[in-house]
Amino acid sequence: MNAGQVGAIMIYGANPSYNYHAADKFNAALAKVKTKISFNEYLDETTEHCDYVIPDSSFPGKLG
């Protein structure tokens, strides 16, 4: 990402902008990615940096 060679990133089940020990470096590299997608039902620190938010609202075991 930091080299600008990642065109898109999809983030699911993680919040590296908060949990990663070098979150500032992650966020700087993330800013170089053209398309950033978060699959999160909450607006967390990583999701705030994303272009698209696709909530994962499915409950385990729920059909339909």
N, C-alpha and C. Protein backbone atom coordinates (compact mmCIF):
# COMPACT_ATOMS: atom_id res chain seq x y z
N MET A 1 0.83 -1.20 0.00
CA MET A 1 0.00 0.00 0.00
C MET A 1 0.87 1.26 0.00
N ASN A 2 1.89 1.23 0.79
CA ASN A 2 2.73 2.42 0.92
C ASN A 2 3.41 2.78 -0.39
N ALA A 3 3.69 1.78 -1.22
CA ALA A 3 4.31 2.03 -2.52
C ALA A 3 3.30 2.50 -3.57
N GLY A 4 2.03 2.54 -3.20
CA GLY A 4 1.00 2.97 -4.13
C GLY A 4 0.63 1.92 -5.16
N GLN A 5 0.90 0.65 -4.87
CA GLN A 5 0.64 -0.41 -5.83
C GLN A 5 -0.60 -1.23 -5.51
N VAL A 6 -1.36 -0.80 -4.53
CA VAL A 6 -2.62 -1.48 -4.20
C VAL A 6 -3.75 -0.61 -4.72
N GLY A 7 -4.56 -1.16 -5.63
CA GLY A 7 -5.64 -0.39 -6.23
C GLY A 7 -6.92 -0.40 -5.41
N ALA A 8 -7.12 -1.48 -4.66
CA ALA A 8 -8.34 -1.58 -3.85
C ALA A 8 -8.06 -2.45 -2.63
N ILE A 9 -8.75 -2.12 -1.55
CA ILE A 9 -8.65 -2.92 -0.34
C ILE A 9 -10.05 -3.09 0.24
N MET A 10 -10.32 -4.29 0.71
CA MET A 10 -11.59 -4.60 1.38
C MET A 10 -11.25 -5.03 2.80
N ILE A 11 -11.84 -4.38 3.76
CA ILE A 11 -11.53 -4.65 5.17
C ILE A 11 -12.77 -5.23 5.83
N TYR A 12 -12.59 -6.41 6.43
CA TYR A 12 -13.70 -7.11 7.09
C TYR A 12 -13.23 -7.65 8.43
N GLY A 13 -13.93 -7.33 9.47
CA GLY A 13 -13.63 -7.90 10.78
C GLY A 13 -12.35 -7.40 11.41
N ALA A 14 -11.89 -6.23 11.02
CA ALA A 14 -10.66 -5.69 11.57
C ALA A 14 -10.75 -4.17 11.67
N ASN A 15 -10.00 -3.61 12.59
CA ASN A 15 -9.93 -2.18 12.75
C ASN A 15 -8.46 -1.78 12.95
N PRO A 16 -7.65 -1.93 11.89
CA PRO A 16 -6.22 -1.64 12.03
C PRO A 16 -5.90 -0.18 12.33
N SER A 17 -6.78 0.73 11.99
CA SER A 17 -6.53 2.14 12.32
C SER A 17 -6.58 2.37 13.82
N TYR A 18 -7.12 1.42 14.55
CA TYR A 18 -7.19 1.50 16.01
C TYR A 18 -6.28 0.47 16.68
N ASN A 19 -6.31 -0.78 16.18
CA ASN A 19 -5.64 -1.88 16.86
C ASN A 19 -4.19 -2.12 16.44
N TYR A 20 -3.82 -1.72 15.26
CA TYR A 20 -2.46 -1.98 14.77
C TYR A 20 -1.46 -1.11 15.53
N HIS A 21 -0.33 -1.68 15.90
CA HIS A 21 0.64 -0.94 16.72
C HIS A 21 1.22 0.28 15.98
N ALA A 22 1.22 0.26 14.67
CA ALA A 22 1.70 1.40 13.87
C ALA A 22 0.54 1.96 13.06
N ALA A 23 -0.54 2.30 13.74
CA ALA A 23 -1.77 2.75 13.07
C ALA A 23 -1.52 3.99 12.21
N ASP A 24 -0.67 4.88 12.66
CA ASP A 24 -0.40 6.08 11.86
C ASP A 24 0.25 5.73 10.53
N LYS A 25 1.14 4.75 10.52
CA LYS A 25 1.76 4.31 9.27
C LYS A 25 0.75 3.59 8.39
N PHE A 26 -0.13 2.80 9.01
CA PHE A 26 -1.19 2.12 8.25
C PHE A 26 -2.09 3.15 7.59
N ASN A 27 -2.50 4.16 8.32
CA ASN A 27 -3.40 5.18 7.77
C ASN A 27 -2.75 5.96 6.64
N ALA A 28 -1.46 6.24 6.75
CA ALA A 28 -0.75 6.94 5.68
C ALA A 28 -0.70 6.08 4.42
N ALA A 29 -0.47 4.79 4.59
CA ALA A 29 -0.44 3.88 3.44
C ALA A 29 -1.84 3.68 2.88
N LEU A 30 -2.83 3.59 3.75
CA LEU A 30 -4.22 3.42 3.31
C LEU A 30 -4.68 4.60 2.45
N ALA A 31 -4.21 5.77 2.76
CA ALA A 31 -4.58 6.97 1.99
C ALA A 31 -4.10 6.88 0.55
N LYS A 32 -3.13 6.03 0.26
CA LYS A 32 -2.60 5.88 -1.10
C LYS A 32 -3.37 4.85 -1.92
N VAL A 33 -4.32 4.17 -1.31
CA VAL A 33 -5.13 3.17 -2.00
C VAL A 33 -6.31 3.88 -2.65
N LYS A 34 -6.55 3.59 -3.93
CA LYS A 34 -7.60 4.30 -4.67
C LYS A 34 -8.99 3.98 -4.15
N THR A 35 -9.30 2.71 -3.95
CA THR A 35 -10.63 2.30 -3.53
C THR A 35 -10.54 1.54 -2.21
N LYS A 36 -11.22 2.08 -1.20
CA LYS A 36 -11.19 1.48 0.13
C LYS A 36 -12.61 1.13 0.54
N ILE A 37 -12.84 -0.15 0.86
CA ILE A 37 -14.18 -0.65 1.20
C ILE A 37 -14.13 -1.27 2.58
N SER A 38 -15.07 -0.89 3.42
CA SER A 38 -15.19 -1.48 4.75
C SER A 38 -16.51 -2.24 4.84
N PHE A 39 -16.43 -3.48 5.32
CA PHE A 39 -17.63 -4.27 5.60
C PHE A 39 -17.83 -4.22 7.11
N ASN A 40 -18.50 -3.20 7.56
CA ASN A 40 -18.67 -2.99 8.99
C ASN A 40 -20.02 -2.35 9.24
N GLU A 41 -20.66 -2.75 10.29
CA GLU A 41 -21.95 -2.14 10.61
C GLU A 41 -21.80 -0.92 11.51
N TYR A 42 -20.56 -0.65 11.95
CA TYR A 42 -20.29 0.51 12.80
C TYR A 42 -19.24 1.40 12.15
N LEU A 43 -19.34 2.69 12.40
CA LEU A 43 -18.36 3.64 11.87
C LEU A 43 -17.19 3.69 12.85
N ASP A 44 -16.19 2.84 12.63
CA ASP A 44 -15.02 2.80 13.51
C ASP A 44 -13.89 3.61 12.90
N GLU A 45 -12.72 3.56 13.52
CA GLU A 45 -11.59 4.38 13.08
C GLU A 45 -11.14 4.04 11.67
N THR A 46 -11.15 2.77 11.30
CA THR A 46 -10.74 2.37 9.95
C THR A 46 -11.80 2.73 8.93
N THR A 47 -13.05 2.48 9.26
CA THR A 47 -14.15 2.76 8.34
C THR A 47 -14.22 4.24 7.98
N GLU A 48 -13.83 5.10 8.88
CA GLU A 48 -13.82 6.54 8.61
C GLU A 48 -12.88 6.90 7.45
N HIS A 49 -11.89 6.07 7.19
CA HIS A 49 -10.93 6.33 6.11
C HIS A 49 -11.36 5.70 4.78
N CYS A 50 -12.48 4.97 4.78
CA CYS A 50 -12.88 4.22 3.59
C CYS A 50 -13.82 5.04 2.70
N ASP A 51 -13.81 4.69 1.42
CA ASP A 51 -14.67 5.35 0.45
C ASP A 51 -16.08 4.77 0.46
N TYR A 52 -16.17 3.49 0.70
CA TYR A 52 -17.45 2.80 0.69
C TYR A 52 -17.60 1.98 1.97
N VAL A 53 -18.82 1.97 2.50
CA VAL A 53 -19.14 1.17 3.68
C VAL A 53 -20.30 0.27 3.32
N ILE A 54 -20.06 -1.03 3.42
CA ILE A 54 -21.09 -2.02 3.14
C ILE A 54 -21.34 -2.78 4.43
N PRO A 55 -22.38 -2.43 5.16
CA PRO A 55 -22.61 -3.04 6.47
C PRO A 55 -22.84 -4.55 6.38
N ASP A 56 -22.20 -5.26 7.27
CA ASP A 56 -22.42 -6.69 7.42
C ASP A 56 -23.45 -6.87 8.52
N SER A 57 -24.70 -6.91 8.14
CA SER A 57 -25.77 -6.96 9.14
C SER A 57 -26.41 -8.33 9.26
N SER A 58 -25.81 -9.34 8.64
CA SER A 58 -26.42 -10.66 8.72
C SER A 58 -26.13 -11.30 10.06
N PHE A 59 -27.15 -11.84 10.66
CA PHE A 59 -27.02 -12.52 11.95
C PHE A 59 -26.70 -13.98 11.69
N PRO A 60 -25.71 -14.54 12.35
CA PRO A 60 -25.36 -15.96 12.12
C PRO A 60 -26.56 -16.87 12.31
N GLY A 61 -26.79 -17.71 11.33
CA GLY A 61 -27.89 -18.65 11.41
C GLY A 61 -29.22 -18.12 10.88
N LYS A 62 -29.26 -16.83 10.57
CA LYS A 62 -30.49 -16.23 10.06
C LYS A 62 -30.58 -16.43 8.55
N LEU A 63 -31.70 -16.89 8.08
CA LEU A 63 -31.90 -17.07 6.64
C LEU A 63 -32.72 -15.90 6.09
N GLY A 64 -32.38 -15.53 4.88
CA GLY A 64 -33.22 -14.61 4.17
C GLY A 64 -32.92 -13.21 4.25
